[in-house]
N, C-alpha and C. Protein backbone atom coordinates (compact mmCIF):
# COMPACT_ATOMS: atom_id res chain seq x y z
N MET A 1 8.17 12.84 33.67
CA MET A 1 7.09 12.01 34.15
C MET A 1 6.08 12.88 34.84
N SER A 2 4.86 12.60 34.66
CA SER A 2 3.79 13.35 35.28
C SER A 2 3.44 12.68 36.61
N GLU A 3 3.60 13.41 37.69
CA GLU A 3 3.36 12.84 39.02
C GLU A 3 1.89 12.57 39.28
N THR A 4 0.99 13.20 38.54
CA THR A 4 -0.43 13.05 38.80
C THR A 4 -1.10 11.98 37.94
N GLN A 5 -0.37 11.34 37.09
CA GLN A 5 -0.93 10.35 36.19
C GLN A 5 -0.45 8.95 36.57
N ASP A 6 -1.34 7.98 36.44
CA ASP A 6 -0.95 6.59 36.66
C ASP A 6 -0.47 6.00 35.35
N TYR A 7 0.54 5.15 35.43
CA TYR A 7 1.10 4.50 34.25
C TYR A 7 1.04 3.00 34.43
N PRO A 8 0.94 2.24 33.33
CA PRO A 8 0.88 0.78 33.42
C PRO A 8 2.11 0.16 34.08
N VAL A 9 3.29 0.78 33.91
CA VAL A 9 4.52 0.27 34.53
C VAL A 9 4.97 1.28 35.57
N THR A 10 5.09 0.83 36.82
CA THR A 10 5.54 1.70 37.90
C THR A 10 6.60 0.99 38.73
N PHE A 11 7.51 1.78 39.28
CA PHE A 11 8.53 1.29 40.18
C PHE A 11 8.70 2.31 41.30
N THR A 12 9.19 1.86 42.43
CA THR A 12 9.51 2.79 43.50
C THR A 12 10.75 3.58 43.08
N ASP A 13 11.02 4.67 43.79
CA ASP A 13 12.21 5.44 43.48
C ASP A 13 13.47 4.57 43.62
N ALA A 14 13.52 3.74 44.65
CA ALA A 14 14.68 2.85 44.84
C ALA A 14 14.82 1.88 43.67
N GLU A 15 13.70 1.36 43.18
CA GLU A 15 13.75 0.44 42.03
C GLU A 15 14.22 1.16 40.78
N TRP A 16 13.75 2.40 40.56
CA TRP A 16 14.22 3.17 39.40
C TRP A 16 15.73 3.38 39.49
N ARG A 17 16.21 3.73 40.66
CA ARG A 17 17.65 3.97 40.84
C ARG A 17 18.46 2.71 40.58
N GLN A 18 17.88 1.55 40.87
CA GLN A 18 18.57 0.28 40.62
C GLN A 18 18.54 -0.08 39.13
N ARG A 19 17.44 0.23 38.45
CA ARG A 19 17.26 -0.13 37.04
C ARG A 19 18.06 0.77 36.10
N LEU A 20 18.21 2.04 36.47
CA LEU A 20 18.79 3.04 35.58
C LEU A 20 20.19 3.44 36.05
N SER A 21 21.01 3.86 35.09
CA SER A 21 22.31 4.45 35.45
C SER A 21 22.04 5.80 36.10
N PRO A 22 23.01 6.36 36.82
CA PRO A 22 22.81 7.69 37.41
C PRO A 22 22.40 8.75 36.37
N GLU A 23 23.00 8.72 35.18
CA GLU A 23 22.65 9.69 34.13
C GLU A 23 21.24 9.44 33.62
N GLN A 24 20.87 8.18 33.42
CA GLN A 24 19.51 7.88 32.99
C GLN A 24 18.51 8.34 34.04
N TYR A 25 18.79 8.09 35.29
CA TYR A 25 17.89 8.51 36.36
C TYR A 25 17.73 10.03 36.34
N ARG A 26 18.85 10.75 36.23
CA ARG A 26 18.81 12.22 36.22
C ARG A 26 17.94 12.75 35.09
N VAL A 27 18.04 12.14 33.90
CA VAL A 27 17.25 12.58 32.75
C VAL A 27 15.81 12.09 32.84
N MET A 28 15.65 10.79 33.04
CA MET A 28 14.33 10.18 32.90
C MET A 28 13.41 10.39 34.09
N ARG A 29 13.95 10.44 35.29
CA ARG A 29 13.11 10.57 36.48
C ARG A 29 13.17 11.96 37.10
N ALA A 30 14.24 12.72 36.83
CA ALA A 30 14.38 14.05 37.41
C ALA A 30 14.31 15.15 36.35
N HIS A 31 13.85 14.80 35.14
CA HIS A 31 13.63 15.77 34.05
C HIS A 31 14.89 16.49 33.63
N GLY A 32 16.01 15.80 33.65
CA GLY A 32 17.27 16.41 33.22
C GLY A 32 17.41 16.37 31.70
N THR A 33 18.54 16.87 31.24
CA THR A 33 18.87 16.85 29.81
C THR A 33 20.32 16.43 29.67
N GLU A 34 20.57 15.49 28.77
CA GLU A 34 21.96 15.09 28.54
C GLU A 34 22.68 16.17 27.74
N ARG A 35 23.98 16.18 27.84
CA ARG A 35 24.80 17.14 27.10
C ARG A 35 24.63 16.89 25.60
N PRO A 36 24.41 17.92 24.79
CA PRO A 36 24.24 17.71 23.35
C PRO A 36 25.45 17.02 22.73
N GLY A 37 25.18 16.10 21.82
CA GLY A 37 26.23 15.38 21.11
C GLY A 37 26.89 14.28 21.92
N SER A 38 26.38 14.00 23.11
CA SER A 38 27.06 13.05 24.00
C SER A 38 26.60 11.61 23.87
N CYS A 39 25.53 11.36 23.14
CA CYS A 39 24.98 10.01 23.09
C CYS A 39 25.31 9.31 21.77
N ALA A 40 25.72 8.05 21.87
CA ALA A 40 26.04 7.27 20.67
C ALA A 40 24.82 7.09 19.76
N LEU A 41 23.62 7.12 20.31
CA LEU A 41 22.42 6.93 19.48
C LEU A 41 22.21 8.09 18.51
N LEU A 42 22.86 9.19 18.74
CA LEU A 42 22.77 10.31 17.80
C LEU A 42 23.26 9.88 16.43
N GLN A 43 24.27 9.01 16.39
CA GLN A 43 24.87 8.56 15.13
C GLN A 43 24.24 7.27 14.60
N GLU A 44 23.28 6.69 15.31
CA GLU A 44 22.67 5.42 14.89
C GLU A 44 21.88 5.60 13.60
N LYS A 45 22.22 4.80 12.57
CA LYS A 45 21.57 4.94 11.27
C LYS A 45 20.98 3.63 10.76
N ARG A 46 21.12 2.54 11.52
CA ARG A 46 20.57 1.26 11.09
C ARG A 46 19.05 1.23 11.24
N ALA A 47 18.42 0.33 10.47
CA ALA A 47 16.99 0.09 10.64
C ALA A 47 16.78 -0.55 12.00
N GLY A 48 15.67 -0.24 12.64
CA GLY A 48 15.37 -0.81 13.93
C GLY A 48 14.38 0.05 14.70
N VAL A 49 14.35 -0.17 16.02
CA VAL A 49 13.40 0.53 16.88
C VAL A 49 14.12 1.09 18.10
N PHE A 50 13.79 2.34 18.43
CA PHE A 50 14.27 2.98 19.64
C PHE A 50 13.18 2.78 20.70
N SER A 51 13.57 2.30 21.87
CA SER A 51 12.60 2.02 22.92
C SER A 51 13.01 2.70 24.22
N CYS A 52 12.08 2.78 25.16
CA CYS A 52 12.32 3.40 26.45
C CYS A 52 13.34 2.58 27.24
N ALA A 53 14.37 3.23 27.73
CA ALA A 53 15.39 2.55 28.53
C ALA A 53 14.86 2.13 29.89
N GLY A 54 13.71 2.65 30.28
CA GLY A 54 13.15 2.30 31.58
C GLY A 54 12.21 1.12 31.56
N CYS A 55 11.49 0.93 30.43
CA CYS A 55 10.47 -0.13 30.41
C CYS A 55 10.37 -0.88 29.09
N ALA A 56 11.20 -0.55 28.12
CA ALA A 56 11.25 -1.21 26.80
C ALA A 56 10.06 -0.89 25.89
N GLN A 57 9.29 0.11 26.21
CA GLN A 57 8.17 0.54 25.34
C GLN A 57 8.75 1.03 24.01
N PRO A 58 8.30 0.50 22.87
CA PRO A 58 8.73 1.05 21.58
C PRO A 58 8.31 2.52 21.46
N LEU A 59 9.25 3.38 21.07
CA LEU A 59 8.99 4.81 20.99
C LEU A 59 9.04 5.36 19.57
N PHE A 60 10.12 5.03 18.84
CA PHE A 60 10.34 5.58 17.50
C PHE A 60 10.95 4.53 16.60
N GLU A 61 10.50 4.48 15.36
CA GLU A 61 11.13 3.64 14.35
C GLU A 61 12.30 4.41 13.76
N ALA A 62 13.38 3.69 13.46
CA ALA A 62 14.59 4.34 12.95
C ALA A 62 14.33 5.15 11.68
N GLY A 63 13.40 4.71 10.85
CA GLY A 63 13.10 5.43 9.62
C GLY A 63 12.49 6.81 9.83
N LYS A 64 12.09 7.11 11.05
CA LYS A 64 11.51 8.41 11.38
C LYS A 64 12.53 9.36 12.00
N LYS A 65 13.78 8.90 12.12
CA LYS A 65 14.85 9.71 12.69
C LYS A 65 15.44 10.61 11.59
N PHE A 66 15.82 11.82 11.98
CA PHE A 66 16.47 12.72 11.02
C PHE A 66 17.53 13.54 11.75
N GLU A 67 18.44 14.10 10.98
CA GLU A 67 19.51 14.92 11.54
C GLU A 67 18.99 16.35 11.68
N SER A 68 18.85 16.80 12.92
CA SER A 68 18.33 18.14 13.18
C SER A 68 19.44 19.16 13.44
N GLY A 69 20.66 18.67 13.70
CA GLY A 69 21.75 19.57 14.01
C GLY A 69 21.72 20.09 15.44
N THR A 70 20.84 19.54 16.27
CA THR A 70 20.69 20.03 17.64
C THR A 70 21.63 19.34 18.63
N GLY A 71 22.11 18.13 18.27
CA GLY A 71 22.94 17.38 19.19
C GLY A 71 22.18 16.29 19.94
N TRP A 72 20.89 16.14 19.64
CA TRP A 72 20.08 15.08 20.23
C TRP A 72 19.38 14.31 19.11
N PRO A 73 19.13 13.01 19.31
CA PRO A 73 18.36 12.27 18.31
C PRO A 73 17.00 12.95 18.10
N SER A 74 16.63 13.11 16.84
CA SER A 74 15.36 13.78 16.50
C SER A 74 14.54 12.89 15.59
N PHE A 75 13.24 12.91 15.79
CA PHE A 75 12.30 12.08 15.04
C PHE A 75 11.11 12.93 14.64
N ASP A 76 10.45 12.57 13.51
CA ASP A 76 9.28 13.34 13.12
C ASP A 76 7.96 12.69 13.54
N THR A 77 7.99 11.41 13.89
CA THR A 77 6.77 10.69 14.25
C THR A 77 7.09 9.59 15.26
N PRO A 78 6.34 9.52 16.38
CA PRO A 78 6.54 8.42 17.32
C PRO A 78 5.75 7.18 16.90
N VAL A 79 6.10 6.05 17.50
CA VAL A 79 5.29 4.84 17.35
C VAL A 79 3.93 5.14 17.99
N GLU A 80 2.85 4.74 17.33
CA GLU A 80 1.52 5.01 17.87
C GLU A 80 1.38 4.45 19.28
N GLY A 81 0.98 5.30 20.21
CA GLY A 81 0.77 4.90 21.59
C GLY A 81 2.05 4.81 22.41
N GLY A 82 3.20 5.12 21.81
CA GLY A 82 4.47 4.98 22.51
C GLY A 82 4.80 6.12 23.45
N VAL A 83 4.41 7.33 23.06
CA VAL A 83 4.73 8.49 23.88
C VAL A 83 3.46 9.27 24.22
N ALA A 84 3.58 10.08 25.25
CA ALA A 84 2.52 11.00 25.64
C ALA A 84 3.19 12.36 25.87
N THR A 85 2.40 13.40 25.94
CA THR A 85 2.96 14.74 26.12
C THR A 85 2.24 15.47 27.24
N THR A 86 2.95 16.40 27.85
CA THR A 86 2.39 17.31 28.85
C THR A 86 3.00 18.68 28.62
N THR A 87 2.40 19.69 29.20
CA THR A 87 2.94 21.04 29.12
C THR A 87 4.03 21.19 30.17
N ASP A 88 5.18 21.68 29.74
CA ASP A 88 6.35 21.90 30.61
C ASP A 88 6.55 23.41 30.73
N ARG A 89 6.40 23.92 31.95
CA ARG A 89 6.56 25.36 32.19
C ARG A 89 7.86 25.67 32.93
N SER A 90 8.82 24.76 32.90
CA SER A 90 10.09 24.97 33.60
C SER A 90 11.00 25.93 32.83
N HIS A 91 11.99 26.46 33.51
CA HIS A 91 13.02 27.32 32.91
C HIS A 91 12.45 28.56 32.24
N GLY A 92 11.29 29.05 32.70
CA GLY A 92 10.71 30.27 32.17
C GLY A 92 10.18 30.15 30.75
N MET A 93 9.95 28.91 30.30
CA MET A 93 9.45 28.67 28.94
C MET A 93 8.20 27.81 29.01
N ILE A 94 7.44 27.81 27.93
CA ILE A 94 6.34 26.86 27.79
C ILE A 94 6.71 25.95 26.63
N ARG A 95 6.91 24.67 26.95
CA ARG A 95 7.29 23.67 25.95
C ARG A 95 6.38 22.46 26.10
N THR A 96 6.45 21.56 25.14
CA THR A 96 5.70 20.32 25.21
C THR A 96 6.68 19.20 25.55
N GLU A 97 6.52 18.65 26.76
CA GLU A 97 7.38 17.55 27.21
C GLU A 97 6.89 16.25 26.60
N VAL A 98 7.83 15.39 26.24
CA VAL A 98 7.53 14.05 25.73
C VAL A 98 7.96 13.06 26.80
N HIS A 99 7.05 12.16 27.15
CA HIS A 99 7.40 11.12 28.10
C HIS A 99 6.86 9.77 27.62
N CYS A 100 7.41 8.72 28.17
CA CYS A 100 7.00 7.36 27.81
C CYS A 100 5.56 7.15 28.26
N ALA A 101 4.72 6.66 27.36
CA ALA A 101 3.31 6.43 27.69
C ALA A 101 3.14 5.24 28.64
N ARG A 102 4.12 4.38 28.74
CA ARG A 102 4.01 3.18 29.58
C ARG A 102 4.49 3.43 31.01
N CYS A 103 5.64 4.14 31.17
CA CYS A 103 6.18 4.31 32.52
C CYS A 103 6.29 5.77 32.97
N GLY A 104 6.01 6.72 32.07
CA GLY A 104 6.03 8.13 32.43
C GLY A 104 7.39 8.78 32.45
N SER A 105 8.44 8.06 32.08
CA SER A 105 9.78 8.63 32.11
C SER A 105 9.93 9.78 31.13
N HIS A 106 10.62 10.82 31.57
CA HIS A 106 10.91 11.97 30.71
C HIS A 106 11.84 11.55 29.59
N LEU A 107 11.48 11.92 28.35
CA LEU A 107 12.29 11.58 27.19
C LEU A 107 12.91 12.82 26.55
N GLY A 108 12.18 13.91 26.50
CA GLY A 108 12.65 15.12 25.84
C GLY A 108 11.48 16.06 25.60
N HIS A 109 11.51 16.76 24.46
CA HIS A 109 10.46 17.71 24.10
C HIS A 109 10.15 17.60 22.62
N VAL A 110 8.97 18.09 22.23
CA VAL A 110 8.59 18.13 20.82
C VAL A 110 8.40 19.58 20.42
N PHE A 111 8.91 19.92 19.24
CA PHE A 111 8.87 21.28 18.74
C PHE A 111 8.24 21.31 17.35
N PRO A 112 7.60 22.44 16.97
CA PRO A 112 6.92 22.53 15.67
C PRO A 112 7.83 22.99 14.54
N ASP A 113 9.10 22.56 14.55
CA ASP A 113 10.05 23.01 13.53
C ASP A 113 10.71 21.85 12.80
N GLY A 114 10.00 20.72 12.71
CA GLY A 114 10.55 19.54 12.04
C GLY A 114 10.23 19.52 10.56
N PRO A 115 10.69 18.48 9.88
CA PRO A 115 10.48 18.36 8.43
C PRO A 115 9.09 17.85 8.10
N PRO A 116 8.69 17.97 6.83
CA PRO A 116 7.45 17.34 6.38
C PRO A 116 7.57 15.83 6.55
N PRO A 117 6.55 15.08 6.69
CA PRO A 117 5.17 15.52 6.55
C PRO A 117 4.55 16.05 7.84
N THR A 118 5.14 15.80 9.03
CA THR A 118 4.48 16.21 10.27
C THR A 118 4.81 17.62 10.70
N GLY A 119 6.00 18.12 10.33
CA GLY A 119 6.44 19.43 10.79
C GLY A 119 6.87 19.41 12.25
N LEU A 120 6.98 18.21 12.84
CA LEU A 120 7.35 18.09 14.24
C LEU A 120 8.78 17.58 14.39
N ARG A 121 9.41 18.00 15.49
CA ARG A 121 10.75 17.51 15.84
C ARG A 121 10.69 17.01 17.28
N TYR A 122 10.64 15.70 17.42
CA TYR A 122 10.73 15.08 18.73
C TYR A 122 12.21 15.03 19.08
N CYS A 123 12.64 15.89 19.97
CA CYS A 123 14.04 16.03 20.37
C CYS A 123 14.21 15.20 21.64
N ILE A 124 14.86 14.05 21.52
CA ILE A 124 14.84 13.04 22.57
C ILE A 124 16.25 12.80 23.13
N ASN A 125 16.35 12.73 24.44
CA ASN A 125 17.61 12.39 25.09
C ASN A 125 17.96 10.95 24.75
N GLY A 126 19.12 10.76 24.12
CA GLY A 126 19.54 9.42 23.73
C GLY A 126 19.69 8.47 24.90
N VAL A 127 20.10 8.99 26.05
CA VAL A 127 20.31 8.15 27.23
C VAL A 127 18.99 7.56 27.72
N ALA A 128 17.87 8.13 27.30
CA ALA A 128 16.55 7.63 27.72
C ALA A 128 16.06 6.50 26.82
N MET A 129 16.85 6.13 25.79
CA MET A 129 16.41 5.11 24.85
C MET A 129 17.43 3.99 24.71
N ASP A 130 16.91 2.85 24.32
CA ASP A 130 17.72 1.72 23.86
C ASP A 130 17.40 1.55 22.39
N PHE A 131 18.33 0.95 21.65
CA PHE A 131 18.10 0.70 20.22
C PHE A 131 18.20 -0.78 19.94
N THR A 132 17.22 -1.31 19.21
CA THR A 132 17.24 -2.69 18.79
C THR A 132 17.27 -2.71 17.26
N PRO A 133 18.38 -3.20 16.65
CA PRO A 133 18.43 -3.25 15.18
C PRO A 133 17.41 -4.22 14.62
N ALA A 134 16.97 -3.95 13.40
CA ALA A 134 15.97 -4.81 12.74
C ALA A 134 16.60 -6.14 12.40
């Protein structure tokens, strides 16, 4: 989440802690990363929509998900207007952070090593998403 940007959905820190599990809070509000291979959504293959676990913003359509072998759900294209990006300079690297465009929650990162047609790999923490089958 970008501390300098206003988002349409906001909660106090206490409200976020009440809404999210401790692991979700660690990932989504404190920029953590879940352990690779630990989320059930990694194996989700049904048609449907992945949305932000913090505010229900649609993020990715299931048809845009692919197996990247990284241990995290990966997508080549987000739902239009669903995510936003910022530059992440943590851990001695420069990466592109992906966060929810509605509430600012940290979702993961996007990398330029995905499949055609976009060539992008949105590497997203499964704990930061909910899945709704079609």
